[in-house]
C-alpha atoms as a PDB file:
ATOM      1  CA  MET A   1       2.321 -60.375-126.557  1.00  0.00           C
ATOM      2  CA  ASP A   2       3.689 -59.406-123.120  1.00  0.00           C
ATOM      3  CA  ASP A   3       0.771 -57.319-121.939  1.00  0.00           C
ATOM      4  CA  PRO A   4      -0.415 -57.992-118.365  1.00  0.00           C
ATOM      5  CA  PHE A   5      -3.930 -56.999-119.457  1.00  0.00           C
ATOM      6  CA  TRP A   6      -4.148 -60.234-121.455  1.00  0.00           C
ATOM      7  CA  ASP A   7      -2.488 -62.576-118.885  1.00  0.00           C
ATOM      8  CA  LYS A   8      -5.609 -64.682-118.358  1.00  0.00           C
ATOM      9  CA  VAL A   9      -6.744 -64.721-121.994  1.00  0.00           C
ATOM     10  CA  GLU A  10      -5.357 -67.606-124.024  1.00  0.00           C
ATOM     11  CA  LEU A  11      -5.126 -67.655-127.799  1.00  0.00           C
ATOM     12  CA  GLY A  12      -5.010 -70.957-129.595  1.00  0.00           C
ATOM     13  CA  GLU A  13      -5.997 -72.729-132.765  1.00  0.00           C
ATOM     14  CA  TRP A  14      -8.559 -75.111-131.271  1.00  0.00           C
ATOM     15  CA  ARG A  15     -11.857 -73.489-130.341  1.00  0.00           C
ATOM     16  CA  LEU A  16     -15.416 -74.600-129.723  1.00  0.00           C
ATOM     17  CA  ILE A  17     -16.686 -71.431-131.365  1.00  0.00           C
ATOM     18  CA  GLY A  18     -15.748 -70.567-134.941  1.00  0.00           C
ATOM     19  CA  PRO A  19     -14.953 -67.097-136.269  1.00  0.00           C
ATOM     20  CA  ARG A  20     -18.452 -66.323-137.585  1.00  0.00           C
ATOM     21  CA  LEU A  21     -20.170 -67.262-134.357  1.00  0.00           C
ATOM     22  CA  ALA A  22     -17.493 -65.376-132.416  1.00  0.00           C
ATOM     23  CA  GLY A  23     -18.238 -62.283-134.490  1.00  0.00           C
ATOM     24  CA  ALA A  24     -21.951 -62.750-133.861  1.00  0.00           C
ATOM     25  CA  ILE A  25     -21.216 -62.910-130.122  1.00  0.00           C
ATOM     26  CA  VAL A  26     -18.927 -59.872-130.091  1.00  0.00           C
ATOM     27  CA  PHE A  27     -21.326 -57.639-132.052  1.00  0.00           C
ATOM     28  CA  PRO A  28     -24.165 -57.449-129.497  1.00  0.00           C
ATOM     29  CA  SER A  29     -21.634 -57.027-126.709  1.00  0.00           C
ATOM     30  CA  LEU A  30     -19.678 -54.134-128.179  1.00  0.00           C
ATOM     31  CA  ARG A  31     -22.056 -52.477-130.617  1.00  0.00           C
ATOM     32  CA  MET A  32     -25.322 -52.973-128.758  1.00  0.00           C
ATOM     33  CA  ARG A  33     -23.828 -52.983-125.229  1.00  0.00           C
ATOM     34  CA  LEU A  34     -25.765 -56.091-124.195  1.00  0.00           C
ATOM     35  CA  ALA A  35     -24.825 -57.934-121.023  1.00  0.00           C
ATOM     36  CA  ARG A  36     -23.600 -61.520-121.300  1.00  0.00           C
ATOM     37  CA  ALA A  37     -26.934 -62.805-119.930  1.00  0.00           C
ATOM     38  CA  ARG A  38     -28.864 -60.886-122.624  1.00  0.00           C
ATOM     39  CA  ILE A  39     -26.562 -62.206-125.346  1.00  0.00           C
ATOM     40  CA  ARG A  40     -27.144 -65.723-124.026  1.00  0.00           C
ATOM     41  CA  GLU A  41     -30.908 -65.128-124.090  1.00  0.00           C
ATOM     42  CA  PHE A  42     -30.664 -63.802-127.664  1.00  0.00           C
ATOM     43  CA  PHE A  43     -28.951 -66.965-128.948  1.00  0.00           C
ATOM     44  CA  VAL A  44     -31.354 -69.252-127.077  1.00  0.00           C
ATOM     45  CA  GLU A  45     -34.467 -67.428-128.316  1.00  0.00           C
ATOM     46  CA  LEU A  46     -33.341 -66.916-131.903  1.00  0.00           C
ATOM     47  CA  PHE A  47     -31.348 -70.055-132.663  1.00  0.00           C
ATOM     48  CA  GLY A  48     -32.017 -72.473-129.797  1.00  0.00           C
ATOM     49  CA  LEU A  49     -28.286 -72.327-129.128  1.00  0.00           C
ATOM     50  CA  GLU A  50     -27.384 -72.804-125.463  1.00  0.00           C
ATOM     51  CA  LEU A  51     -24.157 -70.968-124.649  1.00  0.00           C
ATOM     52  CA  SER A  52     -22.972 -70.319-121.121  1.00  0.00           C
ATOM     53  CA  THR A  53     -22.213 -66.770-120.055  1.00  0.00           C
ATOM     54  CA  GLY A  54     -18.693 -68.014-119.306  1.00  0.00           C
ATOM     55  CA  MET A  55     -18.262 -69.189-122.904  1.00  0.00           C
ATOM     56  CA  LEU A  56     -19.608 -65.870-124.169  1.00  0.00           C
ATOM     57  CA  ASP A  57     -17.237 -63.932-121.925  1.00  0.00           C
ATOM     58  CA  GLU A  58     -14.261 -66.066-122.962  1.00  0.00           C
ATOM     59  CA  THR A  59     -15.122 -65.591-126.644  1.00  0.00           C
ATOM     60  CA  ILE A  60     -15.418 -61.802-126.305  1.00  0.00           C
ATOM     61  CA  ARG A  61     -12.121 -61.543-124.412  1.00  0.00           C
ATOM     62  CA  GLU A  62     -10.320 -63.843-126.840  1.00  0.00           C
ATOM     63  CA  ALA A  63     -11.572 -61.833-129.813  1.00  0.00           C
ATOM     64  CA  GLY A  64     -10.318 -58.681-128.119  1.00  0.00           C
ATOM     65  CA  ARG A  65      -6.884 -60.169-127.626  1.00  0.00           C
ATOM     66  CA  ALA A  66      -6.789 -61.435-131.205  1.00  0.00           C
ATOM     67  CA  VAL A  67      -7.389 -57.959-132.642  1.00  0.00           C
ATOM     68  CA  ALA A  68      -5.339 -56.005-130.074  1.00  0.00           C
ATOM     69  CA  PRO A  69      -2.229 -55.854-132.301  1.00  0.00           C
ATOM     70  CA  LEU A  70      -4.319 -54.150-134.998  1.00  0.00           C
ATOM     71  CA  GLU A  71      -5.230 -51.210-132.772  1.00  0.00           C
ATOM     72  CA  GLU A  72      -1.929 -49.367-133.111  1.00  0.00           C
ATOM     73  CA  ALA A  73      -1.945 -49.727-136.907  1.00  0.00           C
ATOM     74  CA  MET A  74      -5.538 -48.485-137.122  1.00  0.00           C
ATOM     75  CA  VAL A  75      -4.779 -45.469-134.932  1.00  0.00           C
ATOM     76  CA  LEU A  76      -1.815 -44.571-137.169  1.00  0.00           C
ATOM     77  CA  ASP A  77      -3.957 -44.910-140.302  1.00  0.00           C
ATOM     78  CA  ILE A  78      -6.620 -42.655-138.819  1.00  0.00           C
ATOM     79  CA  GLU A  79      -4.110 -40.041-137.697  1.00  0.00           C
ATOM     80  CA  GLU A  80      -2.506 -39.973-141.157  1.00  0.00           C
ATOM     81  CA  ALA A  81      -5.817 -39.812-143.030  1.00  0.00           C
ATOM     82  CA  ALA A  82      -6.618 -36.703-145.060  1.00  0.00           C
ATOM     83  CA  LEU A  83     -10.134 -36.673-143.614  1.00  0.00           C
ATOM     84  CA  LEU A  84     -10.112 -36.582-139.833  1.00  0.00           C
ATOM     85  CA  HIS A  85     -13.578 -35.249-139.063  1.00  0.00           C
ATOM     86  CA  ALA A  86     -16.965 -35.798-140.675  1.00  0.00           C
ATOM     87  CA  HIS A  87     -19.998 -33.990-139.353  1.00  0.00           C
ATOM     88  CA  GLU A  88     -23.477 -34.935-140.492  1.00  0.00           C
ATOM     89  CA  THR A  89     -26.288 -32.590-139.530  1.00  0.00           C
ATOM     90  CA  PRO A  90     -29.135 -32.851-142.037  1.00  0.00           C
ATOM     91  CA  TRP A  91     -31.723 -31.683-139.492  1.00  0.00           C
ATOM     92  CA  ILE A  92     -29.951 -28.372-138.815  1.00  0.00           C
ATOM     93  CA  ASP A  93     -29.677 -27.725-142.557  1.00  0.00           C
ATOM     94  CA  ARG A  94     -33.435 -28.144-142.921  1.00  0.00           C
ATOM     95  CA  VAL A  95     -34.051 -25.759-140.014  1.00  0.00           C
ATOM     96  CA  HIS A  96     -31.668 -23.155-141.428  1.00  0.00           C
ATOM     97  CA  ARG A  97     -33.146 -23.403-144.923  1.00  0.00           C
ATOM     98  CA  CYS A  98     -36.659 -22.956-143.511  1.00  0.00           C
ATOM     99  CA  GLN A  99     -35.442 -19.860-141.686  1.00  0.00           C
ATOM    100  CA  GLY A 100     -33.666 -18.588-144.815  1.00  0.00           C
ATOM    101  CA  ARG A 101     -30.220 -18.907-143.251  1.00  0.00           C
ATOM    102  CA  SER A 102     -27.063 -20.734-144.213  1.00  0.00           C
ATOM    103  CA  SER A 103     -25.716 -23.354-141.826  1.00  0.00           C
ATOM    104  CA  GLY A 104     -22.401 -21.522-141.843  1.00  0.00           C
ATOM    105  CA  LYS A 105     -20.428 -24.486-143.140  1.00  0.00           C
ATOM    106  CA  GLY A 106     -20.241 -25.060-146.853  1.00  0.00           C
ATOM    107  CA  ASP A 107     -23.361 -25.298-148.940  1.00  0.00           C
ATOM    108  CA  ALA A 108     -26.583 -24.829-146.969  1.00  0.00           C
ATOM    109  CA  GLY A 109     -28.035 -27.792-148.850  1.00  0.00           C
ATOM    110  CA  SER A 110     -25.214 -30.120-147.919  1.00  0.00           C
ATOM    111  CA  ALA A 111     -25.914 -32.688-145.230  1.00  0.00           C
ATOM    112  CA  VAL A 112     -22.306 -33.716-144.598  1.00  0.00           C
ATOM    113  CA  TYR A 113     -19.419 -31.397-143.819  1.00  0.00           C
ATOM    114  CA  LEU A 114     -15.913 -32.738-144.215  1.00  0.00           C
ATOM    115  CA  ASP A 115     -12.971 -31.149-142.517  1.00  0.00           C
ATOM    116  CA  GLY A 116      -9.417 -32.436-142.629  1.00  0.00           C
ATOM    117  CA  SER A 117      -7.833 -29.364-141.090  1.00  0.00           C
ATOM    118  CA  HIS A 118      -8.050 -30.350-137.400  1.00  0.00           C
END
C-alpha cells in the first residue's frame, strides 16, 4: 500500500499481541473513545495485564492499516444497498399515539422507518 498516511505503520506476521487482544484494544479506543492511558488502566485493573501506551497505540494503528483496504469495498456495498437509511424513533411514536396523532411516516405503531429512496 503506497499511502503516506501509513508510512510509519508496519504490518508483519510476528506480533506480541494476537488478533483477539488487538480487537479488545481497538474496541475501547474506537467505540468508547477512551484515551490510551484509560485503555491501559482498564487492562491493568481487569486482567492484571501491563501494556504500555506505546504498545496500545501501535496495536490500534496497525489494526487500522490492516483493515484500510476493506474501507473502499464497504463503502461500495453500502452505496449499492437497497436500504440506505434506517430511522428508529420509538419515543416519538409513543408521544404521537398519546396525542392521537400519526408520526407521519408509515404505521404510527412502527418504531423503525426504513427508506431506501435517498
